[in-house]
Amino acid sequence: MQDALWKMSAAAQAQAVRDAHVSAVELVESHLDRIAEVNPQVNAVTQLLAERAREAAAQTDRRRAAGEALGPLAGVPFTVKESTAVEGVPTTFGTERFRDLVAPADAPPVARLRAAGAIPIGHSNIPTLILAGVHTRSELFGDTVNPWDSSRTPGGSSGGDAVAVATGMAALGLGNDSGGSVRVPAQFCGVAGLKPSTGRFPADHRILGLDDPGPASQILVTDGPLARSVGDLRLAYEVLAGTDPRDPRAVPVPAYGEALPGPVKVAVVADPGGHGVHPAVRGAIETAADALRDAGYDVREVRDVPRMDEALEAYGRITVTEFAPTWPVVRKLLGKGGDRYIEMAMEQTPPASADEFMKLMGTWMTIRRAWAEFLDAYPLLLGPSFTEPPVEPGLESRDRAGRDRVASGMRLCSVTSFVGVPGVAVPTGVVDGLPTGVQIVGRAFREDLCLGAAEAIEDRLGVLTPVDPRVGGRAD
């Protein structure tokens, strides 16, 4: 049975440990063996926490032997993005400068997963400082490879977690998302991912010292899990939701809301903003729409989502304005070439003046209101996480055309992060050897509705992973 342990869902792994069908030590060893086998090919796990994981697993087994109740994620190995703190381990952000930046404590989501019995097994790769692009390539650890096709990016910035989960090196990954950083790699790697509502999960995104970031960073960035199945996403969601005194943004909203009357309405927008969508992605949305109809949802194509272009412009101006004062220092940390992605954004979108910034904050509220009204009429939205199949590594940093193409591809992710509503990425199949997928967007704090619809899609279309890396090229 041990050879198959890493292939099991997180829920099944935890149940097997609680029922004493396997030990937590055996479960961890199975994943460590899998990491040793495939990580040299894909370079997703950066700092392996083997001995720490073994000791945590042994402690779990001792607690079970003593008759203690184990948590819902008992013994389940998970990876943690290089930008998220794990106590006693460097939070490197993928840069040489922070190689020895040892975290004094777990970040809140890591602490919550541990409290549920899950075991951090390693850090995972990111673009340098999360800012070097959408492709997962860091100064400290190099490139992460898409297991479906080595000529395509796994996406980012949570690409290391997506690849680790897709290849069976971990049952869960802990990433974060401020405009697609969980949902895009989920689509590109054939796994499921959740971007929660702003304020749903407690977090601490202070990078250095006690100073908090500005309003855009506080509101846009949300931690979120990746998993091979929506059921495992749901399990992680239930663990991660809640309040924490370290994060006054986290609000005590129930994890599950009231059932909606009648068939739930789903708006379908295959081409948000009308900027174009690849036929494979449009096909994935049509397939998902059919699956939801079969499940009893009231699925309706609508003309468009609210204020797409206005939201993208405001998103860009606000984030660039907040980021501009630190750019000279950050640019040096990114190094030659690593600065191109942000540099092109800075050139294209100049910082706002104080008066302009105040107006933009009002625009932000106006856009959020428009989306609240839209989602009041349609509790769910079906659309793309990225409007193309996985692109080549580094496209967004190659030139302005490449950057614009990638920014356009993830536009629905950017806008829904800006609005603060939840989104669940779910696979739909394989086209030309590459995974396809969609996202389900919902009302604020109705992750439960998103997860339910995503699960209905998965029930009809299946789970795509785990997979063995196909480093030599695309699958037949």
Protein backbone atom coordinates (compact mmCIF):
# COMPACT_ATOMS: atom_id res chain seq x y z
CA MET A 1 0.00 0.00 0.00
CA GLN A 2 2.87 2.42 0.74
CA ASP A 3 3.73 2.87 -2.93
CA ALA A 4 0.25 4.28 -3.49
CA LEU A 5 0.03 6.54 -0.41
CA TRP A 6 1.14 9.70 -2.20
CA LYS A 7 -1.52 9.13 -4.86
CA MET A 8 -4.37 9.25 -2.34
CA SER A 9 -6.44 12.37 -1.77
CA ALA A 10 -5.66 14.48 1.28
CA ALA A 11 -8.96 13.42 2.83
CA ALA A 12 -8.17 9.74 2.30
CA GLN A 13 -4.64 10.17 3.65
CA ALA A 14 -5.89 11.81 6.84
CA GLN A 15 -8.61 9.20 7.30
CA ALA A 16 -6.10 6.38 6.88
CA VAL A 17 -3.86 7.92 9.55
CA ARG A 18 -6.74 8.50 11.97
CA ASP A 19 -7.97 4.93 11.48
CA ALA A 20 -4.44 3.53 11.98
CA HIS A 21 -4.49 1.91 8.55
CA VAL A 22 -1.15 3.61 7.91
CA SER A 23 1.18 5.59 10.11
CA ALA A 24 1.89 9.25 9.56
CA VAL A 25 5.56 8.30 9.26
CA GLU A 26 4.76 5.94 6.39
CA LEU A 27 2.71 8.66 4.72
CA VAL A 28 5.52 11.20 4.97
CA GLU A 29 8.11 8.71 3.76
CA SER A 30 5.98 7.93 0.73
CA HIS A 31 5.95 11.61 -0.20
CA LEU A 32 9.67 12.01 0.47
CA ASP A 33 10.32 9.10 -1.87
CA ARG A 34 8.13 10.74 -4.50
CA ILE A 35 9.99 14.04 -4.09
CA ALA A 36 13.32 12.26 -4.52
CA GLU A 37 11.98 10.65 -7.70
CA VAL A 38 10.40 13.60 -9.51
CA ASN A 39 11.64 16.88 -8.03
CA PRO A 40 14.96 16.70 -9.91
CA GLN A 41 12.89 16.80 -13.10
CA VAL A 42 10.52 19.65 -12.20
CA ASN A 43 12.34 21.69 -9.51
CA ALA A 44 9.22 22.63 -7.54
CA VAL A 45 10.29 21.88 -3.96
CA THR A 46 13.07 24.26 -2.92
CA GLN A 47 13.80 23.70 0.78
CA LEU A 48 13.03 20.10 1.73
CA LEU A 49 12.00 19.76 5.39
CA ALA A 50 12.54 16.01 5.56
CA GLU A 51 13.69 15.59 9.17
CA ARG A 52 11.19 18.10 10.50
CA ALA A 53 8.42 16.28 8.62
CA ARG A 54 9.53 12.91 9.95
CA GLU A 55 9.52 14.19 13.53
CA ALA A 56 6.09 15.79 13.12
CA ALA A 57 4.78 12.53 11.68
CA ALA A 58 6.26 10.54 14.57
CA GLN A 59 4.58 12.92 17.02
CA THR A 60 1.27 12.38 15.23
CA ASP A 61 1.66 8.62 15.57
CA ARG A 62 2.49 8.97 19.27
CA ARG A 63 -0.63 11.06 19.82
CA ARG A 64 -2.78 8.49 18.05
CA ALA A 65 -1.23 5.67 20.10
CA ALA A 66 -2.05 7.63 23.26
CA GLY A 67 -5.69 7.82 22.23
CA GLU A 68 -5.74 11.49 21.34
CA ALA A 69 -8.16 12.72 18.68
CA LEU A 70 -6.37 13.73 15.48
CA GLY A 71 -7.30 16.65 13.25
CA PRO A 72 -9.01 16.63 9.86
CA LEU A 73 -5.64 16.80 8.04
CA ALA A 74 -3.77 14.35 10.27
CA GLY A 75 -0.40 13.49 8.73
CA VAL A 76 -1.13 15.16 5.36
CA PRO A 77 2.04 16.66 3.80
CA PHE A 78 1.80 20.14 2.28
CA THR A 79 4.16 22.57 0.60
CA VAL A 80 4.46 26.26 1.45
CA LYS A 81 5.30 29.03 -0.98
CA GLU A 82 8.76 30.58 -0.52
CA SER A 83 7.12 33.88 0.44
CA THR A 84 5.15 32.43 3.37
CA ALA A 85 6.76 31.93 6.77
CA VAL A 86 7.46 28.51 8.24
CA GLU A 87 8.91 28.76 11.73
CA GLY A 88 12.66 28.14 11.86
CA VAL A 89 13.06 28.05 8.06
CA PRO A 90 14.32 30.87 5.80
CA THR A 91 11.60 32.77 3.94
CA THR A 92 13.84 33.44 0.95
CA PHE A 93 11.40 34.94 -1.57
CA GLY A 94 13.65 33.15 -4.07
CA THR A 95 16.41 35.75 -3.77
CA GLU A 96 19.99 35.46 -2.58
CA ARG A 97 19.57 38.50 -0.35
CA PHE A 98 17.02 36.68 1.85
CA ARG A 99 18.69 33.25 1.85
CA ASP A 100 19.15 33.41 5.64
CA LEU A 101 15.96 35.25 6.58
CA VAL A 102 14.78 32.66 9.12
CA ALA A 103 11.12 32.98 10.13
CA PRO A 104 10.54 33.37 13.89
CA ALA A 105 7.00 31.93 13.66
CA ASP A 106 4.59 30.25 11.29
CA ALA A 107 2.41 32.51 9.16
CA PRO A 108 -1.25 32.21 10.26
CA PRO A 109 -2.32 29.82 7.46
CA VAL A 110 0.66 27.55 8.13
CA ALA A 111 -0.23 27.53 11.82
CA ARG A 112 -3.85 26.66 11.04
CA LEU A 113 -2.87 23.77 8.76
CA ARG A 114 -0.47 22.46 11.40
CA ALA A 115 -3.17 22.71 14.07
CA ALA A 116 -5.37 20.52 11.86
CA GLY A 117 -2.60 17.91 11.74
CA ALA A 118 -1.04 18.69 8.37
CA ILE A 119 2.75 18.54 8.03
CA PRO A 120 4.87 21.04 6.06
CA ILE A 121 7.20 19.00 3.89
CA GLY A 122 8.98 21.76 2.00
CA HIS A 123 9.01 25.26 0.65
CA SER A 124 8.07 25.69 -3.01
CA ASN A 125 9.48 27.82 -5.80
CA ILE A 126 8.24 31.25 -6.90
CA PRO A 127 9.30 33.98 -9.31
CA THR A 128 11.99 36.06 -7.58
CA LEU A 129 10.34 38.23 -4.89
CA ILE A 130 6.99 37.16 -6.44
CA LEU A 131 7.56 40.10 -8.80
CA ALA A 132 9.80 38.78 -11.58
CA GLY A 133 6.90 37.55 -13.69
CA VAL A 134 4.20 34.92 -14.08
CA HIS A 135 6.66 32.12 -14.83
CA THR A 136 8.07 30.39 -11.73
CA ARG A 137 11.76 31.14 -11.97
CA SER A 138 13.77 32.44 -9.01
CA GLU A 139 17.28 33.78 -8.64
CA LEU A 140 17.98 31.34 -5.84
CA PHE A 141 16.41 28.14 -7.17
CA GLY A 142 16.05 28.46 -10.96
CA ASP A 143 13.14 27.36 -13.17
CA THR A 144 10.21 25.17 -12.21
CA VAL A 145 9.00 22.91 -15.03
CA ASN A 146 5.42 22.26 -16.06
CA PRO A 147 4.99 18.46 -15.67
CA TRP A 148 2.66 18.28 -18.67
CA ASP A 149 5.05 19.92 -21.13
CA SER A 150 8.50 21.25 -20.32
CA SER A 151 8.21 23.89 -23.05
CA ARG A 152 5.30 25.55 -21.21
CA THR A 153 5.30 27.52 -17.98
CA PRO A 154 3.63 26.09 -14.87
CA GLY A 155 2.44 29.63 -14.18
CA GLY A 156 2.97 31.61 -11.03
CA SER A 157 3.54 32.95 -8.65
CA SER A 158 2.38 29.81 -6.82
CA GLY A 159 3.80 27.59 -9.55
CA GLY A 160 5.96 25.50 -7.25
CA ASP A 161 2.96 24.47 -5.18
CA ALA A 162 0.88 23.68 -8.28
CA VAL A 163 3.61 21.42 -9.67
CA ALA A 164 4.25 19.74 -6.31
CA VAL A 165 0.56 18.89 -5.96
CA ALA A 166 0.13 17.87 -9.60
CA THR A 167 3.03 15.40 -9.43
CA GLY A 168 2.13 13.88 -6.05
CA MET A 169 4.97 15.41 -4.04
CA ALA A 170 2.41 16.92 -1.66
CA ALA A 171 -1.31 16.47 -1.18
CA LEU A 172 -1.85 20.20 -0.62
CA GLY A 173 -0.03 23.40 -1.48
CA LEU A 174 -0.31 26.75 0.26
CA GLY A 175 0.01 29.63 -2.18
CA ASN A 176 -1.33 33.15 -2.39
CA ASP A 177 -3.14 35.15 -5.03
CA SER A 178 -3.45 38.87 -5.80
CA GLY A 179 -4.47 38.56 -9.43
CA GLY A 180 -4.23 34.90 -10.48
CA SER A 181 -1.22 33.52 -8.61
CA VAL A 182 -3.15 30.46 -7.40
CA ARG A 183 -5.72 30.09 -10.16
CA VAL A 184 -3.42 30.47 -13.19
CA PRO A 185 -0.91 27.77 -12.11
CA ALA A 186 -3.86 25.59 -11.14
CA GLN A 187 -5.18 25.81 -14.71
CA PHE A 188 -1.73 25.35 -16.24
CA CYS A 189 -0.92 22.27 -14.11
CA GLY A 190 -4.32 20.58 -14.03
CA VAL A 191 -5.14 20.99 -10.33
CA ALA A 192 -7.77 22.83 -8.31
CA GLY A 193 -7.12 26.11 -6.49
CA LEU A 194 -9.03 28.50 -4.25
CA LYS A 195 -8.68 32.27 -4.04
CA PRO A 196 -10.85 33.20 -1.06
CA SER A 197 -12.73 36.41 -0.37
CA THR A 198 -10.69 39.24 1.07
CA GLY A 199 -10.89 38.76 4.84
CA ARG A 200 -11.86 35.07 4.76
CA PHE A 201 -8.46 33.63 5.80
CA PRO A 202 -6.19 35.30 8.38
CA ALA A 203 -2.73 36.13 7.08
CA ASP A 204 0.37 38.19 7.80
CA HIS A 205 2.03 39.59 4.70
CA ARG A 206 4.61 41.74 6.44
CA ILE A 207 7.90 40.98 4.74
CA LEU A 208 10.50 42.65 6.95
CA GLY A 209 9.97 43.81 10.50
CA LEU A 210 6.74 45.14 11.95
CA ASP A 211 5.66 47.47 9.15
CA ASP A 212 2.51 46.51 7.26
CA PRO A 213 2.26 47.07 3.50
CA GLY A 214 -0.02 49.64 1.89
CA PRO A 215 -3.73 49.28 1.12
CA ALA A 216 -3.37 47.47 -2.20
CA SER A 217 -1.14 44.79 -0.71
CA GLN A 218 -3.38 44.50 2.32
CA ILE A 219 -6.56 44.06 0.30
CA LEU A 220 -5.46 42.27 -2.88
CA VAL A 221 -3.24 39.48 -1.53
CA THR A 222 -5.06 36.42 -0.19
CA ASP A 223 -3.53 33.09 0.80
CA GLY A 224 -5.15 30.08 -0.81
CA PRO A 225 -4.77 26.31 -1.11
CA LEU A 226 -4.11 24.10 -4.13
CA ALA A 227 -5.17 20.45 -4.30
CA ARG A 228 -5.81 17.69 -6.78
CA SER A 229 -9.54 17.57 -6.01
CA VAL A 230 -12.18 20.07 -5.00
CA GLY A 231 -13.02 17.91 -2.00
CA ASP A 232 -9.50 18.45 -0.69
CA LEU A 233 -9.82 22.18 -1.36
CA ARG A 234 -12.98 22.16 0.72
CA LEU A 235 -11.17 20.41 3.56
CA ALA A 236 -8.37 22.99 3.49
CA TYR A 237 -10.91 25.83 3.24
CA GLU A 238 -12.68 24.69 6.40
CA VAL A 239 -9.36 24.61 8.26
CA LEU A 240 -8.06 27.96 6.98
CA ALA A 241 -11.24 30.02 7.47
CA GLY A 242 -11.64 32.01 10.68
CA THR A 243 -10.20 34.86 12.69
CA ASP A 244 -6.80 35.49 14.22
CA PRO A 245 -5.65 38.43 16.37
CA ARG A 246 -2.62 38.81 14.12
CA ASP A 247 -4.92 39.80 11.24
CA PRO A 248 -7.68 42.31 12.01
CA ARG A 249 -8.89 41.97 8.41
CA ALA A 250 -10.15 38.42 9.00
CA VAL A 251 -13.85 38.48 9.78
CA PRO A 252 -16.01 35.93 11.64
CA VAL A 253 -18.26 34.97 8.73
CA PRO A 254 -19.62 31.38 8.75
CA ALA A 255 -17.84 29.08 6.32
CA TYR A 256 -21.19 28.02 4.86
CA GLY A 257 -24.08 30.33 4.03
CA GLU A 258 -27.77 29.69 3.65
CA ALA A 259 -28.94 27.60 0.72
CA LEU A 260 -30.23 29.68 -2.18
CA PRO A 261 -33.81 29.14 -3.38
CA GLY A 262 -34.37 27.32 -6.65
CA PRO A 263 -31.67 26.43 -9.17
CA VAL A 264 -28.59 28.60 -8.63
CA LYS A 265 -28.04 31.02 -11.51
CA VAL A 266 -24.63 30.88 -13.20
CA ALA A 267 -23.55 33.63 -15.58
CA VAL A 268 -21.19 32.44 -18.33
CA VAL A 269 -18.62 34.85 -19.79
CA ALA A 270 -16.04 33.09 -21.96
CA ASP A 271 -14.33 36.29 -23.13
CA PRO A 272 -14.33 38.88 -20.34
CA GLY A 273 -13.99 42.37 -21.76
CA GLY A 274 -14.11 41.06 -25.32
CA HIS A 275 -10.33 40.92 -25.73
CA GLY A 276 -10.22 37.41 -27.19
CA VAL A 277 -10.13 33.84 -25.93
CA HIS A 278 -8.38 30.73 -27.28
CA PRO A 279 -10.67 28.05 -28.75
CA ALA A 280 -9.41 25.46 -26.24
CA VAL A 281 -10.36 27.73 -23.34
CA ARG A 282 -13.73 28.56 -24.85
CA GLY A 283 -14.30 24.84 -25.28
CA ALA A 284 -13.41 24.24 -21.62
CA ILE A 285 -15.98 26.82 -20.55
CA GLU A 286 -18.65 25.26 -22.76
CA THR A 287 -17.85 21.83 -21.34
CA ALA A 288 -18.05 23.16 -17.77
CA ALA A 289 -21.32 24.93 -18.54
CA ASP A 290 -22.82 21.67 -19.81
CA ALA A 291 -21.65 19.91 -16.64
CA LEU A 292 -23.35 22.54 -14.48
CA ARG A 293 -26.57 22.29 -16.49
CA ASP A 294 -26.50 18.54 -15.98
CA ALA A 295 -26.09 19.14 -12.24
CA GLY A 296 -29.23 21.30 -12.16
CA TYR A 297 -27.75 24.81 -12.26
CA ASP A 298 -29.51 27.58 -14.18
CA VAL A 299 -26.69 28.40 -16.63
CA ARG A 300 -27.04 31.53 -18.75
CA GLU A 301 -24.65 33.23 -21.13
CA VAL A 302 -24.43 36.94 -20.44
CA ARG A 303 -22.90 39.74 -22.45
CA ASP A 304 -20.00 40.60 -20.12
CA VAL A 305 -18.84 41.17 -16.58
CA PRO A 306 -19.08 44.67 -15.05
CA ARG A 307 -16.54 47.41 -15.79
CA MET A 308 -13.69 45.11 -16.88
CA ASP A 309 -11.40 47.66 -18.54
CA GLU A 310 -12.06 50.32 -15.91
CA ALA A 311 -11.19 47.83 -13.17
CA LEU A 312 -7.97 46.77 -14.88
CA GLU A 313 -6.87 50.38 -15.25
CA ALA A 314 -7.64 51.20 -11.62
CA TYR A 315 -5.94 48.01 -10.43
CA GLY A 316 -2.79 48.98 -12.34
CA ARG A 317 -2.72 52.61 -11.19
CA ILE A 318 -3.28 51.78 -7.52
CA THR A 319 -0.69 49.01 -7.35
CA VAL A 320 1.96 50.96 -9.27
CA THR A 321 1.41 54.05 -7.10
CA GLU A 322 1.87 52.02 -3.93
CA PHE A 323 4.90 50.23 -5.33
CA ALA A 324 6.74 53.17 -6.91
CA PRO A 325 8.57 54.53 -3.81
CA THR A 326 10.29 51.19 -3.15
CA TRP A 327 11.05 50.38 -6.78
CA PRO A 328 14.70 51.55 -6.82
CA VAL A 329 15.55 49.14 -3.98
CA VAL A 330 13.37 46.29 -5.21
CA ARG A 331 14.80 46.58 -8.71
CA LYS A 332 18.28 45.86 -7.37
CA LEU A 333 16.99 42.81 -5.51
CA LEU A 334 15.34 41.47 -8.66
CA GLY A 335 18.61 41.75 -10.59
CA LYS A 336 19.23 42.09 -14.30
CA GLY A 337 16.37 40.65 -16.31
CA GLY A 338 14.28 39.94 -13.23
CA ASP A 339 13.12 43.54 -13.22
CA ARG A 340 11.70 43.59 -16.75
CA TYR A 341 8.15 42.52 -15.88
CA ILE A 342 7.61 45.27 -13.31
CA GLU A 343 9.67 47.82 -15.25
CA MET A 344 7.35 47.50 -18.24
CA ALA A 345 4.34 47.97 -15.95
CA MET A 346 5.91 51.08 -14.43
CA GLU A 347 6.56 52.54 -17.89
CA GLN A 348 3.05 51.76 -19.10
CA THR A 349 1.21 52.95 -15.98
CA PRO A 350 2.68 56.01 -14.24
CA PRO A 351 2.03 56.50 -10.50
CA ALA A 352 -0.98 58.59 -9.55
CA SER A 353 -0.81 61.91 -7.74
CA ALA A 354 -2.35 62.18 -4.27
CA ASP A 355 -5.55 63.65 -5.68
CA GLU A 356 -5.72 61.00 -8.39
CA PHE A 357 -5.12 58.25 -5.84
CA MET A 358 -8.03 59.47 -3.70
CA LYS A 359 -10.29 59.38 -6.77
CA LEU A 360 -9.05 55.88 -7.57
CA MET A 361 -10.09 54.67 -4.12
CA GLY A 362 -13.59 55.89 -4.93
CA THR A 363 -13.43 54.14 -8.30
CA TRP A 364 -12.44 50.96 -6.49
CA MET A 365 -15.61 51.14 -4.39
CA THR A 366 -17.73 51.88 -7.46
CA ILE A 367 -16.40 48.78 -9.21
CA ARG A 368 -16.95 46.63 -6.12
CA ARG A 369 -20.54 47.87 -5.95
CA ALA A 370 -21.12 47.02 -9.61
CA TRP A 371 -19.84 43.51 -9.03
CA ALA A 372 -21.96 43.08 -5.91
CA GLU A 373 -25.03 43.99 -7.95
CA PHE A 374 -23.99 41.62 -10.75
CA LEU A 375 -23.47 38.74 -8.32
CA ASP A 376 -26.75 39.55 -6.61
CA ALA A 377 -28.45 38.72 -9.92
CA TYR A 378 -26.10 35.83 -10.72
CA PRO A 379 -24.65 34.23 -7.57
CA LEU A 380 -21.98 32.45 -9.63
CA LEU A 381 -19.89 33.34 -12.67
CA LEU A 382 -18.19 30.81 -14.94
CA GLY A 383 -15.17 32.09 -16.87
CA PRO A 384 -11.49 31.49 -17.62
CA SER A 385 -8.61 31.68 -15.18
CA PHE A 386 -6.40 32.36 -18.20
CA THR A 387 -7.70 32.89 -21.71
CA GLU A 388 -5.03 30.74 -23.39
CA PRO A 389 -3.44 27.34 -22.85
CA PRO A 390 -0.15 27.44 -20.91
CA VAL A 391 2.28 29.84 -22.60
CA GLU A 392 6.05 29.60 -22.96
CA PRO A 393 8.23 30.40 -19.93
CA GLY A 394 9.10 34.06 -19.54
CA LEU A 395 6.75 35.36 -22.23
CA GLU A 396 5.63 38.20 -19.95
CA SER A 397 9.19 39.49 -19.54
CA ARG A 398 10.31 39.12 -23.16
CA ASP A 399 8.83 42.34 -24.55
CA ARG A 400 5.83 44.63 -24.24
CA ALA A 401 3.70 42.47 -26.52
CA GLY A 402 4.41 39.40 -24.39
CA ARG A 403 3.65 41.24 -21.19
CA ASP A 404 0.39 42.62 -22.54
CA ARG A 405 -0.64 39.19 -23.79
CA VAL A 406 -0.11 37.59 -20.38
CA ALA A 407 -1.79 40.46 -18.52
CA SER A 408 -4.78 40.13 -20.84
CA GLY A 409 -4.85 36.36 -20.40
CA MET A 410 -5.33 36.59 -16.64
CA ARG A 411 -7.64 39.62 -16.70
CA LEU A 412 -10.60 37.94 -14.99
CA CYS A 413 -8.33 36.85 -12.16
CA SER A 414 -6.98 40.39 -11.78
CA VAL A 415 -10.42 41.98 -11.65
CA THR A 416 -11.93 39.46 -9.24
CA SER A 417 -8.95 39.94 -6.91
CA PHE A 418 -9.50 43.69 -7.17
CA VAL A 419 -13.16 43.21 -6.25
CA GLY A 420 -12.29 40.83 -3.39
CA VAL A 421 -14.63 37.98 -4.32
CA PRO A 422 -13.78 34.25 -4.20
CA GLY A 423 -12.80 32.09 -7.15
CA VAL A 424 -12.21 28.35 -7.51
CA ALA A 425 -10.15 27.00 -10.41
CA VAL A 426 -11.11 23.49 -11.51
CA PRO A 427 -9.75 21.31 -14.36
CA THR A 428 -12.00 20.31 -17.24
CA GLY A 429 -9.85 17.95 -19.32
CA VAL A 430 -6.83 17.73 -21.62
CA VAL A 431 -6.49 19.27 -25.10
CA ASP A 432 -3.39 18.69 -27.23
CA GLY A 433 -1.60 17.20 -24.23
CA LEU A 434 -2.18 20.24 -22.00
CA PRO A 435 -4.68 20.59 -19.14
CA THR A 436 -7.68 22.87 -19.52
CA GLY A 437 -9.72 24.48 -16.79
CA VAL A 438 -12.13 27.19 -15.72
CA GLN A 439 -12.86 29.24 -12.64
CA ILE A 440 -16.08 29.68 -10.69
CA VAL A 441 -16.43 33.14 -9.13
CA GLY A 442 -18.98 33.87 -6.43
CA ARG A 443 -20.41 36.43 -4.08
CA ALA A 444 -18.16 37.67 -1.27
CA PHE A 445 -17.86 35.04 1.47
CA ARG A 446 -19.75 32.43 -0.54
CA GLU A 447 -16.79 30.17 -1.21
CA ASP A 448 -19.19 27.35 -0.41
CA LEU A 449 -21.21 28.09 -3.54
CA CYS A 450 -18.03 28.19 -5.65
CA LEU A 451 -16.79 24.92 -4.21
CA GLY A 452 -20.16 23.25 -4.76
CA ALA A 453 -20.27 24.23 -8.42
CA ALA A 454 -16.62 23.29 -8.97
CA GLU A 455 -17.30 19.91 -7.38
CA ALA A 456 -20.26 19.37 -9.72
CA ILE A 457 -17.94 20.02 -12.67
CA GLU A 458 -15.29 17.68 -11.27
CA ASP A 459 -17.86 14.93 -10.59
CA ARG A 460 -18.75 14.92 -14.30
CA LEU A 461 -15.33 15.57 -15.86
CA GLY A 462 -12.93 13.85 -13.49
CA VAL A 463 -9.61 14.60 -11.77
CA LEU A 464 -6.48 14.97 -13.94
CA THR A 465 -3.67 14.44 -11.45
CA PRO A 466 -1.33 13.12 -10.08
CA VAL A 467 0.84 12.79 -13.18
CA ASP A 468 4.40 11.78 -13.86
CA PRO A 469 6.51 14.59 -15.36
CA ARG A 470 6.70 14.59 -19.14
CA VAL A 471 9.87 16.63 -19.30
CA GLY A 472 10.75 15.49 -22.79
CA GLY A 473 7.70 17.18 -24.28
CA ARG A 474 3.97 17.18 -24.48
CA ALA A 475 1.89 14.11 -23.72
CA ASP A 476 0.45 12.21 -26.66
